[in-house]
Amino acid sequence: MAEPTLPLPAGCAEWDPEMVEWMLLSPAERWEISQHMWATFLALGGTFAPEPDPQSPCFDADEWRALSPDGRPGLRVIRRSGV
């Protein structure tokens, strides 16, 4: 990346260079990059489903089931080969 052209806030000399680069982007550039990051998150198995809040008065422990770690149904795969 080119040298910063905007004045950086005081105290940012100890910031990580990647953070400085992010802060120097325009809001539109940050938005575009974050859209790519969301796509990667979802491609890696992330989900938009919120984590349950057991302290909420609406939380029903009998209704809630944890997702499997790999995001797939909890069915066991049966191998048909004789291996």
C-alpha atoms as a PDB file:
ATOM      1  CA  MET A   1       0.000   0.000   0.000  1.00  0.00           C
ATOM      2  CA  ALA A   2       1.163   3.545  -0.657  1.00  0.00           C
ATOM      3  CA  GLU A   3       2.237   5.852   2.113  1.00  0.00           C
ATOM      4  CA  PRO A   4      -0.694   7.291   4.092  1.00  0.00           C
ATOM      5  CA  THR A   5      -1.938  10.548   2.624  1.00  0.00           C
ATOM      6  CA  LEU A   6      -4.357  11.423   5.421  1.00  0.00           C
ATOM      7  CA  PRO A   7      -3.233  12.575   8.849  1.00  0.00           C
ATOM      8  CA  LEU A   8      -3.604   9.720  11.301  1.00  0.00           C
ATOM      9  CA  PRO A   9      -5.039  10.231  14.795  1.00  0.00           C
ATOM     10  CA  ALA A  10      -2.631  10.787  17.664  1.00  0.00           C
ATOM     11  CA  GLY A  11      -1.435   7.593  19.296  1.00  0.00           C
ATOM     12  CA  CYS A  12      -1.815   5.389  16.232  1.00  0.00           C
ATOM     13  CA  ALA A  13       1.936   4.974  15.815  1.00  0.00           C
ATOM     14  CA  GLU A  14       1.705   1.747  17.840  1.00  0.00           C
ATOM     15  CA  TRP A  15      -1.252   0.423  15.795  1.00  0.00           C
ATOM     16  CA  ASP A  16      -0.853  -2.692  13.729  1.00  0.00           C
ATOM     17  CA  PRO A  17      -0.055  -1.735  10.091  1.00  0.00           C
ATOM     18  CA  GLU A  18      -3.089  -3.719   8.928  1.00  0.00           C
ATOM     19  CA  MET A  19      -5.327  -1.612  11.199  1.00  0.00           C
ATOM     20  CA  VAL A  20      -3.831   1.612   9.842  1.00  0.00           C
ATOM     21  CA  GLU A  21      -4.452   0.372   6.302  1.00  0.00           C
ATOM     22  CA  TRP A  22      -8.097  -0.408   7.195  1.00  0.00           C
ATOM     23  CA  MET A  23      -8.628   3.028   8.758  1.00  0.00           C
ATOM     24  CA  LEU A  24      -7.256   4.772   5.664  1.00  0.00           C
ATOM     25  CA  LEU A  25      -9.849   3.110   3.417  1.00  0.00           C
ATOM     26  CA  SER A  26     -12.991   5.016   2.522  1.00  0.00           C
ATOM     27  CA  PRO A  27     -16.273   3.776   4.037  1.00  0.00           C
ATOM     28  CA  ALA A  28     -17.293   2.437   0.605  1.00  0.00           C
ATOM     29  CA  GLU A  29     -14.029   0.479   0.315  1.00  0.00           C
ATOM     30  CA  ARG A  30     -14.464  -0.939   3.823  1.00  0.00           C
ATOM     31  CA  TRP A  31     -18.042  -1.953   2.979  1.00  0.00           C
ATOM     32  CA  GLU A  32     -16.920  -3.792  -0.162  1.00  0.00           C
ATOM     33  CA  ILE A  33     -14.151  -5.627   1.671  1.00  0.00           C
ATOM     34  CA  SER A  34     -16.466  -6.585   4.528  1.00  0.00           C
ATOM     35  CA  GLN A  35     -18.896  -8.110   2.006  1.00  0.00           C
ATOM     36  CA  HIS A  36     -16.088 -10.374   0.781  1.00  0.00           C
ATOM     37  CA  MET A  37     -15.255 -11.258   4.385  1.00  0.00           C
ATOM     38  CA  TRP A  38     -18.899 -12.272   5.057  1.00  0.00           C
ATOM     39  CA  ALA A  39     -18.866 -14.459   1.944  1.00  0.00           C
ATOM     40  CA  THR A  40     -15.717 -16.180   3.199  1.00  0.00           C
ATOM     41  CA  PHE A  41     -17.228 -16.605   6.680  1.00  0.00           C
ATOM     42  CA  LEU A  42     -20.305 -18.308   5.217  1.00  0.00           C
ATOM     43  CA  ALA A  43     -18.218 -20.449   2.841  1.00  0.00           C
ATOM     44  CA  LEU A  44     -16.236 -21.733   5.834  1.00  0.00           C
ATOM     45  CA  GLY A  45     -19.439 -22.863   7.557  1.00  0.00           C
ATOM     46  CA  GLY A  46     -20.367 -19.758   9.522  1.00  0.00           C
ATOM     47  CA  THR A  47     -23.994 -18.954  10.151  1.00  0.00           C
ATOM     48  CA  PHE A  48     -26.131 -15.872  10.676  1.00  0.00           C
ATOM     49  CA  ALA A  49     -28.096 -17.664  13.396  1.00  0.00           C
ATOM     50  CA  PRO A  50     -27.551 -15.899  16.724  1.00  0.00           C
ATOM     51  CA  GLU A  51     -26.211 -17.724  19.724  1.00  0.00           C
ATOM     52  CA  PRO A  52     -28.939 -18.448  22.272  1.00  0.00           C
ATOM     53  CA  ASP A  53     -29.086 -16.322  25.399  1.00  0.00           C
ATOM     54  CA  PRO A  54     -29.834 -18.595  28.364  1.00  0.00           C
ATOM     55  CA  GLN A  55     -30.419 -15.514  30.575  1.00  0.00           C
ATOM     56  CA  SER A  56     -33.254 -14.276  28.359  1.00  0.00           C
ATOM     57  CA  PRO A  57     -36.785 -14.759  29.730  1.00  0.00           C
ATOM     58  CA  CYS A  58     -37.731 -16.096  26.267  1.00  0.00           C
ATOM     59  CA  PHE A  59     -35.057 -18.840  26.297  1.00  0.00           C
ATOM     60  CA  ASP A  60     -36.524 -22.343  26.314  1.00  0.00           C
ATOM     61  CA  ALA A  61     -33.843 -24.912  27.102  1.00  0.00           C
ATOM     62  CA  ASP A  62     -36.123 -27.758  25.976  1.00  0.00           C
ATOM     63  CA  GLU A  63     -36.555 -26.228  22.535  1.00  0.00           C
ATOM     64  CA  TRP A  64     -32.930 -25.216  21.864  1.00  0.00           C
ATOM     65  CA  ARG A  65     -30.500 -27.674  20.269  1.00  0.00           C
ATOM     66  CA  ALA A  66     -26.856 -26.931  19.597  1.00  0.00           C
ATOM     67  CA  LEU A  67     -25.707 -27.065  15.988  1.00  0.00           C
ATOM     68  CA  SER A  68     -23.200 -29.720  15.102  1.00  0.00           C
ATOM     69  CA  PRO A  69     -19.615 -28.403  14.895  1.00  0.00           C
ATOM     70  CA  ASP A  70     -19.455 -28.914  11.139  1.00  0.00           C
ATOM     71  CA  GLY A  71     -22.901 -27.379  10.499  1.00  0.00           C
ATOM     72  CA  ARG A  72     -24.242 -30.612   9.008  1.00  0.00           C
ATOM     73  CA  PRO A  73     -27.154 -32.697  10.243  1.00  0.00           C
ATOM     74  CA  GLY A  74     -26.265 -34.960  13.123  1.00  0.00           C
ATOM     75  CA  LEU A  75     -26.847 -38.119  11.110  1.00  0.00           C
ATOM     76  CA  ARG A  76     -24.254 -40.836  11.105  1.00  0.00           C
ATOM     77  CA  VAL A  77     -22.757 -41.660   7.724  1.00  0.00           C
ATOM     78  CA  ILE A  78     -22.760 -45.385   7.000  1.00  0.00           C
ATOM     79  CA  ARG A  79     -20.074 -46.615   4.658  1.00  0.00           C
ATOM     80  CA  ARG A  80     -21.353 -49.139   2.181  1.00  0.00           C
ATOM     81  CA  SER A  81     -17.949 -50.376   1.086  1.00  0.00           C
ATOM     82  CA  GLY A  82     -16.255 -53.260   2.841  1.00  0.00           C
ATOM     83  CA  VAL A  83     -13.312 -51.122   3.912  1.00  0.00           C
END
